[in-house]
Protein backbone atom coordinates (compact mmCIF):
# COMPACT_ATOMS: atom_id res chain seq x y z
CA MET A 1 65.18 90.08 77.42
CA ILE A 2 62.62 91.16 74.85
CA THR A 3 65.19 90.71 72.08
CA LEU A 4 66.00 87.19 73.29
CA LEU A 5 62.31 86.26 73.33
CA ARG A 6 61.92 87.65 69.81
CA LEU A 7 64.89 85.60 68.61
CA HIS A 8 63.47 82.50 70.27
CA LYS A 9 60.18 83.01 68.43
CA GLN A 10 61.95 83.64 65.11
CA PHE A 11 64.22 80.60 65.49
CA HIS A 12 61.80 78.27 67.27
CA GLN A 13 63.34 75.29 65.48
CA CYS A 14 66.45 75.65 67.64
CA ASP A 15 66.71 74.11 71.08
CA TRP A 16 67.09 77.08 73.44
CA LEU A 17 68.61 77.02 76.90
CA LEU A 18 69.35 79.80 79.37
CA VAL A 19 72.03 79.09 81.96
CA TYR A 20 71.54 81.24 85.05
CA THR A 21 74.95 81.94 86.58
CA LEU A 22 76.17 84.16 89.37
CA GLU A 23 74.34 87.39 90.16
CA ALA A 24 76.38 90.16 88.54
CA HIS A 25 75.27 92.93 90.88
CA ALA A 26 74.46 91.17 94.10
CA THR A 27 73.30 93.64 96.75
CA ASP A 28 75.92 92.40 99.22
CA GLU A 29 78.81 92.24 96.76
CA TRP A 30 78.71 94.74 93.89
CA PRO A 31 75.47 96.73 93.94
CA ILE A 32 75.03 99.45 91.35
CA SER A 33 72.10 101.71 90.69
CA SER A 34 71.88 100.64 87.04
CA ALA A 35 71.48 96.96 87.85
CA ARG A 36 68.76 95.18 85.93
CA ALA A 37 65.12 95.67 86.74
CA ASP A 38 62.40 93.07 86.58
CA PRO A 39 59.36 93.62 84.31
CA SER A 40 57.62 95.59 87.07
CA GLY A 41 60.37 98.21 86.79
CA GLU A 42 61.61 97.53 90.30
CA PRO A 43 65.32 96.86 90.75
CA VAL A 44 66.32 93.26 91.34
CA GLN A 45 67.47 92.75 94.93
CA ILE A 46 69.47 89.52 95.10
CA LYS A 47 72.32 88.70 97.46
CA LYS A 48 75.30 86.63 96.33
CA HIS A 49 74.23 83.00 96.06
CA ARG A 50 75.66 81.03 98.97
CA SER A 51 73.95 77.74 98.18
CA ILE A 52 72.64 75.91 95.14
CA GLU A 53 69.13 76.31 96.57
CA GLU A 54 69.53 80.11 96.49
CA ARG A 55 70.79 79.99 92.91
CA LEU A 56 67.95 77.71 91.83
CA ARG A 57 65.43 80.00 93.53
CA ALA A 58 66.90 83.00 91.68
CA ALA A 59 66.80 81.12 88.36
CA ARG A 60 63.15 80.18 88.89
CA ALA A 61 62.27 83.76 89.83
CA PHE A 62 64.02 85.02 86.69
CA ARG A 63 62.17 82.55 84.49
CA GLU A 64 58.83 83.49 86.03
CA ALA A 65 59.42 87.25 85.99
CA PHE A 66 60.46 87.30 82.35
CA GLN A 67 58.18 84.43 81.26
CA VAL A 68 61.04 82.60 79.57
CA PRO A 69 59.40 80.02 77.27
CA PHE A 70 62.35 77.64 77.14
CA ARG A 71 64.49 75.70 79.61
CA VAL A 72 66.33 77.62 82.30
CA VAL A 73 69.03 75.83 84.26
CA ALA A 74 71.45 77.05 86.92
CA ASP A 75 75.22 76.90 87.12
CA THR A 76 76.77 75.02 90.03
CA ILE A 77 77.46 76.97 93.19
CA ASP A 78 81.17 76.60 92.34
CA ASP A 79 80.48 78.52 89.08
CA THR A 80 81.71 75.70 86.84
CA PHE A 81 79.84 76.93 83.74
CA GLU A 82 80.97 80.52 84.35
CA ALA A 83 84.60 79.43 84.65
CA GLN A 84 84.43 77.40 81.43
CA PHE A 85 82.44 79.82 79.27
CA CYS A 86 83.23 83.28 80.75
CA THR A 87 79.62 84.41 80.66
CA TRP A 88 80.11 87.69 82.50
CA PRO A 89 78.33 90.03 81.95
CA PHE A 90 76.30 87.81 79.60
CA ARG A 91 76.97 85.79 76.48
CA PHE A 92 75.22 84.11 73.61
CA TYR A 93 76.55 80.77 72.40
CA VAL A 94 75.42 78.55 69.57
CA LEU A 95 76.24 74.88 69.83
CA GLN A 96 75.96 72.30 67.10
CA HIS A 97 76.65 68.63 67.66
CA GLY A 98 78.04 69.41 71.12
CA ARG A 99 80.54 72.00 69.89
CA VAL A 100 80.52 75.79 70.21
CA VAL A 101 80.14 77.16 66.68
CA PHE A 102 79.50 80.76 67.70
CA GLN A 103 80.26 82.92 70.74
CA ALA A 104 79.01 86.49 70.81
CA GLN A 105 81.54 89.00 72.09
CA PRO A 106 80.29 92.13 73.86
CA ARG A 107 81.50 95.58 72.89
CA GLU A 108 81.10 98.32 75.47
CA CYS A 109 78.68 96.12 77.47
CA SER A 110 76.44 95.57 74.45
CA TYR A 111 76.09 93.19 71.51
CA GLU A 112 75.55 93.49 67.83
CA LEU A 113 73.07 90.69 67.26
CA GLU A 114 73.44 90.49 63.49
CA PRO A 115 76.27 87.89 63.64
CA LEU A 116 74.16 85.71 65.95
CA VAL A 117 71.15 86.02 63.66
CA ARG A 118 73.26 85.06 60.61
CA VAL A 119 74.55 81.93 62.38
CA LEU A 120 71.03 80.93 63.42
CA GLU A 121 69.71 81.54 59.91
CA ASP A 122 72.45 79.33 58.47
CA LEU A 123 71.71 76.54 60.96
CA VAL A 124 67.97 76.66 60.33
CA ARG A 125 68.54 76.66 56.55
CA VAL A 126 70.65 73.48 56.83
CA GLN A 127 68.11 71.60 58.97
């Protein structure tokens, strides 16, 4: 999350949005010991979202815990955004004029951020 906040600060001219989708390691579905921790260092303990209210509550808690300085929205309870954009385990997208112009692809559950940075630099240069 620190890297995302750093990128947001560097490319503040861009309109940032975080879409909170399904919980990857819900305690009642697929718990693993290496699941993400919140800034306190404690593991996140979230059950699978069964209602939009639960998902919204989880999105708000995420935004507060990580002090996300830009908009955070939640996917529908039917996982419409997830189905369309295949965000698992997580993804970075860059949109321009309503079209996806960049989609980061993970390698071994990680990302090389240089391609994302280059795309953002190009977009900021053009503005």
